[in-house]
C-alpha atoms as a PDB file:
ATOM      1  CA  MET A   1       0.000   0.000   0.000  1.00  0.00           C
ATOM      2  CA  PRO A   2       1.487   3.380  -0.972  1.00  0.00           C
ATOM      3  CA  ARG A   3       2.588   5.696   1.798  1.00  0.00           C
ATOM      4  CA  PRO A   4       0.872   9.152   2.148  1.00  0.00           C
ATOM      5  CA  CYS A   5       3.756  10.972   0.432  1.00  0.00           C
ATOM      6  CA  CYS A   6       3.575   8.539  -2.491  1.00  0.00           C
ATOM      7  CA  GLN A   7      -0.188   9.052  -2.734  1.00  0.00           C
ATOM      8  CA  ARG A   8       0.321  12.819  -3.072  1.00  0.00           C
ATOM      9  CA  THR A   9       2.974  12.266  -5.752  1.00  0.00           C
ATOM     10  CA  ILE A  10       0.741   9.915  -7.744  1.00  0.00           C
ATOM     11  CA  GLY A  11      -2.143  12.408  -7.466  1.00  0.00           C
ATOM     12  CA  LEU A  12      -0.004  15.239  -8.829  1.00  0.00           C
ATOM     13  CA  LEU A  13       1.155  13.095 -11.752  1.00  0.00           C
ATOM     14  CA  LEU A  14      -2.447  12.215 -12.591  1.00  0.00           C
ATOM     15  CA  LEU A  15      -3.485  15.871 -12.512  1.00  0.00           C
ATOM     16  CA  CYS A  16      -0.589  16.856 -14.799  1.00  0.00           C
ATOM     17  CA  SER A  17      -1.446  14.094 -17.297  1.00  0.00           C
ATOM     18  CA  LEU A  18      -5.098  15.175 -17.372  1.00  0.00           C
ATOM     19  CA  SER A  19      -4.105  18.798 -17.914  1.00  0.00           C
ATOM     20  CA  LEU A  20      -1.777  17.860 -20.770  1.00  0.00           C
ATOM     21  CA  GLY A  21      -4.571  15.925 -22.420  1.00  0.00           C
ATOM     22  CA  ARG A  22      -6.879  19.000 -22.683  1.00  0.00           C
ATOM     23  CA  PRO A  23      -6.592  21.970 -25.069  1.00  0.00           C
ATOM     24  CA  SER A  24      -5.111  25.059 -23.490  1.00  0.00           C
ATOM     25  CA  PRO A  25      -7.525  27.873 -22.528  1.00  0.00           C
ATOM     26  CA  ALA A  26      -6.139  29.996 -25.373  1.00  0.00           C
ATOM     27  CA  ALA A  27      -7.399  27.415 -27.856  1.00  0.00           C
ATOM     28  CA  ASP A  28     -11.008  27.743 -26.683  1.00  0.00           C
ATOM     29  CA  PRO A  29     -13.247  30.042 -28.795  1.00  0.00           C
ATOM     30  CA  PRO A  30     -14.054  33.401 -27.186  1.00  0.00           C
ATOM     31  CA  LEU A  31     -17.372  33.495 -25.380  1.00  0.00           C
ATOM     32  CA  PRO A  32     -19.799  36.421 -25.709  1.00  0.00           C
ATOM     33  CA  GLN A  33     -19.569  38.742 -22.756  1.00  0.00           C
ATOM     34  CA  ALA A  34     -22.616  38.976 -20.548  1.00  0.00           C
ATOM     35  CA  ALA A  35     -25.034  41.735 -21.420  1.00  0.00           C
ATOM     36  CA  HIS A  36     -24.812  44.898 -19.369  1.00  0.00           C
ATOM     37  CA  THR A  37     -27.581  47.431 -19.020  1.00  0.00           C
ATOM     38  CA  VAL A  38     -27.635  51.118 -19.792  1.00  0.00           C
ATOM     39  CA  ARG A  39     -30.263  53.410 -18.326  1.00  0.00           C
ATOM     40  CA  VAL A  40     -31.823  55.579 -21.032  1.00  0.00           C
ATOM     41  CA  ALA A  41     -34.108  58.523 -20.229  1.00  0.00           C
ATOM     42  CA  GLY A  42     -36.565  60.088 -22.645  1.00  0.00           C
ATOM     43  CA  ILE A  43     -37.489  63.755 -22.229  1.00  0.00           C
ATOM     44  CA  VAL A  44     -41.159  63.838 -23.250  1.00  0.00           C
ATOM     45  CA  LEU A  45     -41.802  67.546 -23.599  1.00  0.00           C
ATOM     46  CA  LYS A  46     -44.262  69.506 -25.743  1.00  0.00           C
ATOM     47  CA  TRP A  47     -42.847  71.830 -28.390  1.00  0.00           C
ATOM     48  CA  HIS A  48     -43.043  75.615 -28.063  1.00  0.00           C
ATOM     49  CA  ARG A  49     -42.765  76.627 -31.682  1.00  0.00           C
ATOM     50  CA  GLY A  50     -39.784  78.796 -32.608  1.00  0.00           C
ATOM     51  CA  ALA A  51     -38.852  79.556 -28.973  1.00  0.00           C
ATOM     52  CA  LYS A  52     -35.322  78.255 -28.411  1.00  0.00           C
ATOM     53  CA  GLU A  53     -34.739  79.827 -25.009  1.00  0.00           C
ATOM     54  CA  SER A  54     -38.126  78.682 -23.718  1.00  0.00           C
ATOM     55  CA  ASN A  55     -37.564  75.131 -24.937  1.00  0.00           C
ATOM     56  CA  TYR A  56     -34.067  74.968 -23.476  1.00  0.00           C
ATOM     57  CA  ARG A  57     -35.201  76.287 -20.090  1.00  0.00           C
ATOM     58  CA  ARG A  58     -38.065  73.774 -19.999  1.00  0.00           C
ATOM     59  CA  ALA A  59     -35.830  70.840 -20.967  1.00  0.00           C
ATOM     60  CA  GLU A  60     -32.840  71.553 -18.725  1.00  0.00           C
ATOM     61  CA  PRO A  61     -34.476  70.701 -15.368  1.00  0.00           C
ATOM     62  CA  MET A  62     -35.854  67.496 -16.909  1.00  0.00           C
ATOM     63  CA  ILE A  63     -32.383  66.523 -18.100  1.00  0.00           C
ATOM     64  CA  ARG A  64     -31.063  67.209 -14.599  1.00  0.00           C
ATOM     65  CA  GLU A  65     -33.842  65.069 -13.144  1.00  0.00           C
ATOM     66  CA  ALA A  66     -32.901  62.234 -15.499  1.00  0.00           C
ATOM     67  CA  ALA A  67     -29.260  62.365 -14.423  1.00  0.00           C
ATOM     68  CA  ALA A  68     -30.251  62.444 -10.757  1.00  0.00           C
ATOM     69  CA  HIS A  69     -32.204  59.212 -11.301  1.00  0.00           C
ATOM     70  CA  GLY A  70     -29.235  57.418 -12.808  1.00  0.00           C
ATOM     71  CA  ALA A  71     -29.761  57.974 -16.524  1.00  0.00           C
ATOM     72  CA  GLN A  72     -26.589  57.367 -18.510  1.00  0.00           C
ATOM     73  CA  ILE A  73     -28.074  58.360 -21.875  1.00  0.00           C
ATOM     74  CA  VAL A  74     -30.650  61.145 -22.108  1.00  0.00           C
ATOM     75  CA  CYS A  75     -32.611  61.712 -25.326  1.00  0.00           C
ATOM     76  CA  THR A  76     -34.875  64.632 -26.256  1.00  0.00           C
ATOM     77  CA  THR A  77     -37.530  64.746 -28.958  1.00  0.00           C
ATOM     78  CA  GLU A  78     -36.946  65.674 -32.571  1.00  0.00           C
ATOM     79  CA  CYS A  79     -36.087  69.390 -32.896  1.00  0.00           C
ATOM     80  CA  PHE A  80     -36.784  70.012 -29.219  1.00  0.00           C
ATOM     81  CA  LEU A  81     -34.763  73.252 -29.340  1.00  0.00           C
ATOM     82  CA  ASP A  82     -36.656  75.110 -32.085  1.00  0.00           C
ATOM     83  CA  GLY A  83     -39.980  73.393 -31.372  1.00  0.00           C
ATOM     84  CA  TYR A  84     -40.055  71.757 -34.819  1.00  0.00           C
ATOM     85  CA  ALA A  85     -40.403  75.139 -36.534  1.00  0.00           C
ATOM     86  CA  ILE A  86     -40.350  73.481 -39.960  1.00  0.00           C
ATOM     87  CA  ALA A  87     -44.007  72.525 -39.435  1.00  0.00           C
ATOM     88  CA  ASP A  88     -45.084  76.166 -39.818  1.00  0.00           C
ATOM     89  CA  LYS A  89     -44.352  77.291 -43.368  1.00  0.00           C
ATOM     90  CA  ASN A  90     -45.816  80.714 -42.509  1.00  0.00           C
ATOM     91  CA  ILE A  91     -42.707  81.508 -40.514  1.00  0.00           C
ATOM     92  CA  PRO A  92     -40.734  83.922 -42.733  1.00  0.00           C
ATOM     93  CA  TRP A  93     -37.712  82.331 -44.375  1.00  0.00           C
ATOM     94  CA  ASP A  94     -35.217  84.648 -42.673  1.00  0.00           C
ATOM     95  CA  THR A  95     -36.812  83.982 -39.278  1.00  0.00           C
ATOM     96  CA  TYR A  96     -36.682  80.260 -39.889  1.00  0.00           C
ATOM     97  CA  ARG A  97     -33.043  80.397 -40.984  1.00  0.00           C
ATOM     98  CA  ALA A  98     -32.168  82.329 -37.833  1.00  0.00           C
ATOM     99  CA  LEU A  99     -33.449  79.439 -35.705  1.00  0.00           C
ATOM    100  CA  GLY A 100     -30.660  77.231 -37.073  1.00  0.00           C
ATOM    101  CA  GLU A 101     -27.878  76.316 -34.670  1.00  0.00           C
ATOM    102  CA  PRO A 102     -24.287  75.955 -35.912  1.00  0.00           C
ATOM    103  CA  ILE A 103     -22.678  72.698 -34.787  1.00  0.00           C
ATOM    104  CA  PRO A 104     -20.457  72.454 -32.756  1.00  0.00           C
ATOM    105  CA  ASP A 105     -20.070  76.158 -32.008  1.00  0.00           C
ATOM    106  CA  GLY A 106     -23.651  77.401 -31.646  1.00  0.00           C
ATOM    107  CA  PRO A 107     -24.530  78.935 -28.259  1.00  0.00           C
ATOM    108  CA  TYR A 108     -27.151  76.311 -27.372  1.00  0.00           C
ATOM    109  CA  VAL A 109     -24.891  73.472 -28.462  1.00  0.00           C
ATOM    110  CA  GLN A 110     -22.287  74.900 -26.093  1.00  0.00           C
ATOM    111  CA  ARG A 111     -24.828  75.012 -23.278  1.00  0.00           C
ATOM    112  CA  LEU A 112     -25.850  71.419 -23.956  1.00  0.00           C
ATOM    113  CA  ARG A 113     -22.197  70.351 -23.989  1.00  0.00           C
ATOM    114  CA  ASP A 114     -21.597  72.089 -20.682  1.00  0.00           C
ATOM    115  CA  LEU A 115     -24.688  70.420 -19.229  1.00  0.00           C
ATOM    116  CA  ALA A 116     -23.628  66.941 -20.370  1.00  0.00           C
ATOM    117  CA  ARG A 117     -20.160  67.501 -18.882  1.00  0.00           C
ATOM    118  CA  GLU A 118     -21.564  68.753 -15.585  1.00  0.00           C
ATOM    119  CA  LEU A 119     -23.965  65.803 -15.250  1.00  0.00           C
ATOM    120  CA  THR A 120     -21.585  63.213 -16.758  1.00  0.00           C
ATOM    121  CA  ILE A 121     -24.225  61.922 -19.183  1.00  0.00           C
ATOM    122  CA  THR A 122     -24.392  61.060 -22.848  1.00  0.00           C
ATOM    123  CA  LEU A 123     -26.917  63.474 -24.364  1.00  0.00           C
ATOM    124  CA  VAL A 124     -28.892  63.230 -27.611  1.00  0.00           C
ATOM    125  CA  ALA A 125     -30.568  66.529 -28.513  1.00  0.00           C
ATOM    126  CA  GLY A 126     -32.675  67.421 -31.546  1.00  0.00           C
ATOM    127  CA  MET A 127     -32.445  70.799 -33.277  1.00  0.00           C
ATOM    128  CA  LEU A 128     -32.448  72.713 -36.533  1.00  0.00           C
ATOM    129  CA  GLU A 129     -28.848  72.796 -37.719  1.00  0.00           C
ATOM    130  CA  ALA A 130     -27.337  75.710 -39.653  1.00  0.00           C
ATOM    131  CA  ASP A 131     -24.511  74.728 -41.979  1.00  0.00           C
ATOM    132  CA  GLY A 132     -23.744  77.726 -44.162  1.00  0.00           C
ATOM    133  CA  PRO A 133     -26.909  78.468 -46.156  1.00  0.00           C
ATOM    134  CA  GLN A 134     -28.290  74.949 -45.615  1.00  0.00           C
ATOM    135  CA  ARG A 135     -30.637  73.810 -42.839  1.00  0.00           C
ATOM    136  CA  TYR A 136     -30.904  70.247 -41.498  1.00  0.00           C
ATOM    137  CA  ASN A 137     -33.116  68.413 -39.020  1.00  0.00           C
ATOM    138  CA  THR A 138     -30.307  67.139 -36.797  1.00  0.00           C
ATOM    139  CA  ALA A 139     -29.649  65.318 -33.539  1.00  0.00           C
ATOM    140  CA  VAL A 140     -26.339  65.917 -31.799  1.00  0.00           C
ATOM    141  CA  LEU A 141     -24.654  63.259 -29.653  1.00  0.00           C
ATOM    142  CA  ILE A 142     -22.615  64.667 -26.778  1.00  0.00           C
ATOM    143  CA  GLY A 143     -20.399  62.547 -24.528  1.00  0.00           C
ATOM    144  CA  PRO A 144     -20.162  62.714 -20.726  1.00  0.00           C
ATOM    145  CA  ASP A 145     -17.011  64.807 -21.055  1.00  0.00           C
ATOM    146  CA  GLY A 146     -18.892  67.402 -23.108  1.00  0.00           C
ATOM    147  CA  VAL A 147     -17.209  66.372 -26.362  1.00  0.00           C
ATOM    148  CA  LEU A 148     -19.355  66.232 -29.484  1.00  0.00           C
ATOM    149  CA  LEU A 149     -19.319  62.547 -30.452  1.00  0.00           C
ATOM    150  CA  GLY A 150     -21.215  63.142 -33.671  1.00  0.00           C
ATOM    151  CA  LYS A 151     -24.386  64.387 -35.291  1.00  0.00           C
ATOM    152  CA  TYR A 152     -27.090  62.704 -37.335  1.00  0.00           C
ATOM    153  CA  ARG A 153     -29.123  64.402 -40.085  1.00  0.00           C
ATOM    154  CA  LYS A 154     -32.627  63.163 -40.824  1.00  0.00           C
ATOM    155  CA  GLN A 155     -32.753  61.396 -44.182  1.00  0.00           C
ATOM    156  CA  HIS A 156     -36.468  61.203 -45.050  1.00  0.00           C
ATOM    157  CA  LEU A 157     -37.930  64.692 -44.994  1.00  0.00           C
ATOM    158  CA  GLY A 158     -41.372  64.684 -46.629  1.00  0.00           C
ATOM    159  CA  HIS A 159     -42.865  68.161 -46.196  1.00  0.00           C
ATOM    160  CA  GLU A 160     -39.597  69.439 -44.670  1.00  0.00           C
ATOM    161  CA  ALA A 161     -37.806  69.281 -48.023  1.00  0.00           C
ATOM    162  CA  VAL A 162     -39.061  72.734 -49.026  1.00  0.00           C
ATOM    163  CA  ARG A 163     -36.662  74.258 -46.472  1.00  0.00           C
ATOM    164  CA  ASN A 164     -34.338  71.543 -45.163  1.00  0.00           C
ATOM    165  CA  GLN A 165     -31.709  69.365 -46.789  1.00  0.00           C
ATOM    166  CA  PRO A 166     -31.667  65.592 -46.212  1.00  0.00           C
ATOM    167  CA  GLY A 167     -28.889  63.639 -44.577  1.00  0.00           C
ATOM    168  CA  THR A 168     -27.339  60.723 -46.436  1.00  0.00           C
ATOM    169  CA  GLU A 169     -25.750  58.473 -43.794  1.00  0.00           C
ATOM    170  CA  SER A 170     -27.145  55.891 -41.358  1.00  0.00           C
ATOM    171  CA  SER A 171     -24.471  56.829 -38.861  1.00  0.00           C
ATOM    172  CA  VAL A 172     -23.446  54.703 -35.882  1.00  0.00           C
ATOM    173  CA  PHE A 173     -21.552  56.305 -33.003  1.00  0.00           C
ATOM    174  CA  VAL A 174     -19.157  54.988 -30.388  1.00  0.00           C
ATOM    175  CA  THR A 175     -20.490  55.803 -26.915  1.00  0.00           C
ATOM    176  CA  PRO A 176     -19.353  54.715 -23.448  1.00  0.00           C
ATOM    177  CA  HIS A 177     -22.305  52.305 -23.503  1.00  0.00           C
ATOM    178  CA  GLY A 178     -21.856  50.624 -26.871  1.00  0.00           C
ATOM    179  CA  LEU A 179     -22.435  51.449 -30.524  1.00  0.00           C
ATOM    180  CA  ALA A 180     -25.565  53.594 -30.897  1.00  0.00           C
ATOM    181  CA  GLY A 181     -27.585  54.428 -33.967  1.00  0.00           C
ATOM    182  CA  ILE A 182     -29.697  57.579 -34.073  1.00  0.00           C
ATOM    183  CA  MET A 183     -32.585  57.962 -36.492  1.00  0.00           C
ATOM    184  CA  ILE A 184     -35.140  60.759 -36.586  1.00  0.00           C
ATOM    185  CA  CYS A 185     -38.913  60.415 -36.904  1.00  0.00           C
ATOM    186  CA  ALA A 186     -39.864  59.411 -40.491  1.00  0.00           C
ATOM    187  CA  ASP A 187     -36.612  57.480 -40.906  1.00  0.00           C
ATOM    188  CA  ARG A 188     -38.271  54.729 -38.853  1.00  0.00           C
ATOM    189  CA  ARG A 189     -40.757  54.080 -41.655  1.00  0.00           C
ATOM    190  CA  GLU A 190     -38.019  53.006 -44.098  1.00  0.00           C
ATOM    191  CA  PRO A 191     -36.864  49.397 -43.518  1.00  0.00           C
ATOM    192  CA  ASP A 192     -33.714  49.782 -45.632  1.00  0.00           C
ATOM    193  CA  THR A 193     -32.631  52.897 -43.749  1.00  0.00           C
ATOM    194  CA  VAL A 194     -33.024  51.191 -40.378  1.00  0.00           C
ATOM    195  CA  ARG A 195     -31.297  48.058 -41.681  1.00  0.00           C
ATOM    196  CA  ARG A 196     -28.221  50.115 -42.568  1.00  0.00           C
ATOM    197  CA  PHE A 197     -27.836  51.292 -38.965  1.00  0.00           C
ATOM    198  CA  CYS A 198     -27.746  47.686 -37.861  1.00  0.00           C
ATOM    199  CA  ALA A 199     -25.419  46.621 -40.674  1.00  0.00           C
ATOM    200  CA  ASN A 200     -23.084  49.387 -39.491  1.00  0.00           C
ATOM    201  CA  GLY A 201     -22.930  47.776 -36.057  1.00  0.00           C
ATOM    202  CA  ALA A 202     -25.550  49.538 -33.929  1.00  0.00           C
ATOM    203  CA  ARG A 203     -26.301  47.672 -30.679  1.00  0.00           C
ATOM    204  CA  PHE A 204     -29.396  49.801 -29.991  1.00  0.00           C
ATOM    205  CA  LEU A 205     -31.297  52.620 -31.732  1.00  0.00           C
ATOM    206  CA  LEU A 206     -32.543  55.953 -30.418  1.00  0.00           C
ATOM    207  CA  CYS A 207     -35.352  57.714 -32.272  1.00  0.00           C
ATOM    208  CA  PRO A 208     -36.047  61.356 -31.363  1.00  0.00           C
ATOM    209  CA  SER A 209     -39.352  62.007 -33.055  1.00  0.00           C
ATOM    210  CA  GLY A 210     -42.518  64.018 -33.660  1.00  0.00           C
ATOM    211  CA  GLY A 211     -45.415  63.410 -36.029  1.00  0.00           C
ATOM    212  CA  MET A 212     -47.368  60.169 -35.695  1.00  0.00           C
ATOM    213  CA  TYR A 213     -47.721  58.535 -32.295  1.00  0.00           C
ATOM    214  CA  GLY A 214     -49.864  55.976 -30.516  1.00  0.00           C
ATOM    215  CA  ALA A 215     -50.936  52.360 -30.835  1.00  0.00           C
ATOM    216  CA  LYS A 216     -52.656  52.700 -34.210  1.00  0.00           C
ATOM    217  CA  ASP A 217     -50.342  54.865 -36.315  1.00  0.00           C
ATOM    218  CA  ASN A 218     -46.905  54.529 -34.775  1.00  0.00           C
ATOM    219  CA  ASP A 219     -46.211  51.623 -32.461  1.00  0.00           C
ATOM    220  CA  PRO A 220     -46.524  48.810 -35.044  1.00  0.00           C
ATOM    221  CA  ILE A 221     -43.883  50.554 -37.200  1.00  0.00           C
ATOM    222  CA  LEU A 222     -41.311  50.506 -34.390  1.00  0.00           C
ATOM    223  CA  GLN A 223     -42.247  46.942 -33.480  1.00  0.00           C
ATOM    224  CA  ALA A 224     -41.624  45.845 -37.067  1.00  0.00           C
ATOM    225  CA  ARG A 225     -38.233  47.582 -37.264  1.00  0.00           C
ATOM    226  CA  SER A 226     -37.149  45.984 -33.964  1.00  0.00           C
ATOM    227  CA  ARG A 227     -38.299  42.531 -35.066  1.00  0.00           C
ATOM    228  CA  GLU A 228     -36.681  42.802 -38.522  1.00  0.00           C
ATOM    229  CA  ASN A 229     -33.326  43.828 -37.069  1.00  0.00           C
ATOM    230  CA  HIS A 230     -33.394  42.082 -33.666  1.00  0.00           C
ATOM    231  CA  ILE A 231     -32.665  45.335 -31.854  1.00  0.00           C
ATOM    232  CA  TYR A 232     -34.020  47.564 -29.085  1.00  0.00           C
ATOM    233  CA  ILE A 233     -35.440  50.923 -30.191  1.00  0.00           C
ATOM    234  CA  VAL A 234     -36.174  53.845 -27.851  1.00  0.00           C
ATOM    235  CA  PHE A 235     -38.705  56.315 -29.306  1.00  0.00           C
ATOM    236  CA  VAL A 236     -39.005  59.773 -27.714  1.00  0.00           C
ATOM    237  CA  HIS A 237     -41.869  62.034 -28.849  1.00  0.00           C
ATOM    238  CA  PRO A 238     -43.621  65.096 -27.374  1.00  0.00           C
ATOM    239  CA  ALA A 239     -46.608  62.874 -26.560  1.00  0.00           C
ATOM    240  CA  GLU A 240     -45.199  59.339 -26.255  1.00  0.00           C
ATOM    241  CA  PHE A 241     -42.380  57.245 -24.842  1.00  0.00           C
ATOM    242  CA  LEU A 242     -42.036  53.812 -26.440  1.00  0.00           C
ATOM    243  CA  VAL A 243     -39.456  51.035 -26.186  1.00  0.00           C
ATOM    244  CA  THR A 244     -39.586  48.006 -28.484  1.00  0.00           C
ATOM    245  CA  ALA A 245     -37.616  44.784 -28.017  1.00  0.00           C
ATOM    246  CA  PRO A 246     -35.664  42.636 -30.510  1.00  0.00           C
ATOM    247  CA  ASP A 247     -38.623  40.249 -30.815  1.00  0.00           C
ATOM    248  CA  GLY A 248     -40.965  43.122 -31.696  1.00  0.00           C
ATOM    249  CA  SER A 249     -42.715  43.199 -28.343  1.00  0.00           C
ATOM    250  CA  ILE A 250     -43.393  46.423 -26.459  1.00  0.00           C
ATOM    251  CA  VAL A 251     -41.208  46.817 -23.382  1.00  0.00           C
ATOM    252  CA  GLN A 252     -42.675  50.116 -22.289  1.00  0.00           C
ATOM    253  CA  CYS A 253     -45.227  52.554 -23.698  1.00  0.00           C
ATOM    254  CA  THR A 254     -46.888  55.685 -22.366  1.00  0.00           C
ATOM    255  CA  VAL A 255     -48.914  58.240 -24.308  1.00  0.00           C
ATOM    256  CA  LEU A 256     -48.773  61.570 -22.492  1.00  0.00           C
ATOM    257  CA  GLY A 257     -51.503  64.040 -23.365  1.00  0.00           C
ATOM    258  CA  ASP A 258     -53.212  64.674 -26.683  1.00  0.00           C
ATOM    259  CA  ARG A 259     -50.887  67.130 -28.426  1.00  0.00           C
ATOM    260  CA  MET A 260     -47.311  67.803 -29.471  1.00  0.00           C
ATOM    261  CA  LEU A 261     -47.368  71.616 -29.370  1.00  0.00           C
ATOM    262  CA  VAL A 262     -48.277  74.252 -26.805  1.00  0.00           C
ATOM    263  CA  THR A 263     -48.645  77.991 -27.261  1.00  0.00           C
ATOM    264  CA  ALA A 264     -47.121  80.620 -24.995  1.00  0.00           C
ATOM    265  CA  GLU A 265     -50.480  80.932 -23.244  1.00  0.00           C
ATOM    266  CA  GLN A 266     -50.610  77.175 -22.594  1.00  0.00           C
ATOM    267  CA  LEU A 267     -47.188  76.865 -21.007  1.00  0.00           C
ATOM    268  CA  ASP A 268     -47.443  75.225 -17.566  1.00  0.00           C
ATOM    269  CA  SER A 269     -51.171  74.688 -18.017  1.00  0.00           C
ATOM    270  CA  PRO A 270     -52.832  71.243 -17.671  1.00  0.00           C
ATOM    271  CA  VAL A 271     -52.344  70.553 -21.407  1.00  0.00           C
ATOM    272  CA  ASP A 272     -48.582  71.147 -21.098  1.00  0.00           C
ATOM    273  CA  GLN A 273     -47.891  67.624 -19.877  1.00  0.00           C
ATOM    274  CA  ARG A 274     -44.256  66.590 -19.571  1.00  0.00           C
ATOM    275  CA  GLN A 275     -42.392  63.729 -17.962  1.00  0.00           C
ATOM    276  CA  VAL A 276     -39.055  61.941 -17.851  1.00  0.00           C
ATOM    277  CA  PHE A 277     -39.270  58.235 -18.670  1.00  0.00           C
ATOM    278  CA  TYR A 278     -36.639  55.568 -18.025  1.00  0.00           C
ATOM    279  CA  VAL A 279     -35.694  52.178 -19.393  1.00  0.00           C
ATOM    280  CA  ASP A 280     -32.773  49.895 -18.525  1.00  0.00           C
ATOM    281  CA  LEU A 281     -31.653  48.455 -21.864  1.00  0.00           C
ATOM    282  CA  PRO A 282     -29.671  45.217 -22.033  1.00  0.00           C
ATOM    283  CA  VAL A 283     -26.733  45.843 -24.363  1.00  0.00           C
ATOM    284  CA  ALA A 284     -24.902  42.658 -25.357  1.00  0.00           C
ATOM    285  CA  GLU A 285     -21.252  42.940 -26.312  1.00  0.00           C
ATOM    286  CA  PRO A 286     -20.018  41.024 -29.375  1.00  0.00           C
ATOM    287  CA  ALA A 287     -17.861  37.945 -28.857  1.00  0.00           C
ATOM    288  CA  GLY A 288     -14.248  38.817 -28.088  1.00  0.00           C
ATOM    289  CA  ALA A 289     -15.010  42.421 -27.107  1.00  0.00           C
ATOM    290  CA  GLY A 290     -13.347  44.019 -24.149  1.00  0.00           C
END
């Protein structure tokens, strides 16, 4: 019968032989990293047409509220800053042009950058962009250090084309929380446009919007785009917050009020409903990331 010291020696030899008979860890294929979550906040706020200072002052405390409740990404509506002035073609051309904000050096862009830096959030903000003589329906993406990470220009304009120029790229941006795609309003209705965001690597999509909303006219469109591309979409509108899942199901949906626009006389009245909404999105990293 082997002595205790011999038993330990035999055990070590057996362990070594078993280890030599298996592939080394480096030979194993990389496993996908576990999904992490990112808290996204939607600023559901009615438009005040053509009133940049009013819209900024109304949005800022809501953005601060979102950050205080742990939001890592905060998203406004489409053209929150100018109140979607393109909808009113009676606004004189020169007045409309003056509502455009140069990017990255416009005064409100600077204020938004300062706010994102102060709150350490990633901020998506919709506005009318001025680029020389051209005007674009644009969403800026600002990082938690206040750096402009990029901007997205709406591609499908419809009635806006009489004054605005279309964007041409389904851009995807590197954020601290994964690759994000940003589309604006009517872009969601075009399957090929949405597909390009995903082909470019987007892990989730943000959709600052206006126009159609609700269970009949809007929600099935977002559900279809999520299902087709197996991706989460967060839709932020002056009257609705909607999140759709990769299987096309609705994760969260609230319709807030019955309008997108308020007049100066209606500000802070019962029809001027506003709220910050939150969702914790699972964001899966690709295999081998990190």
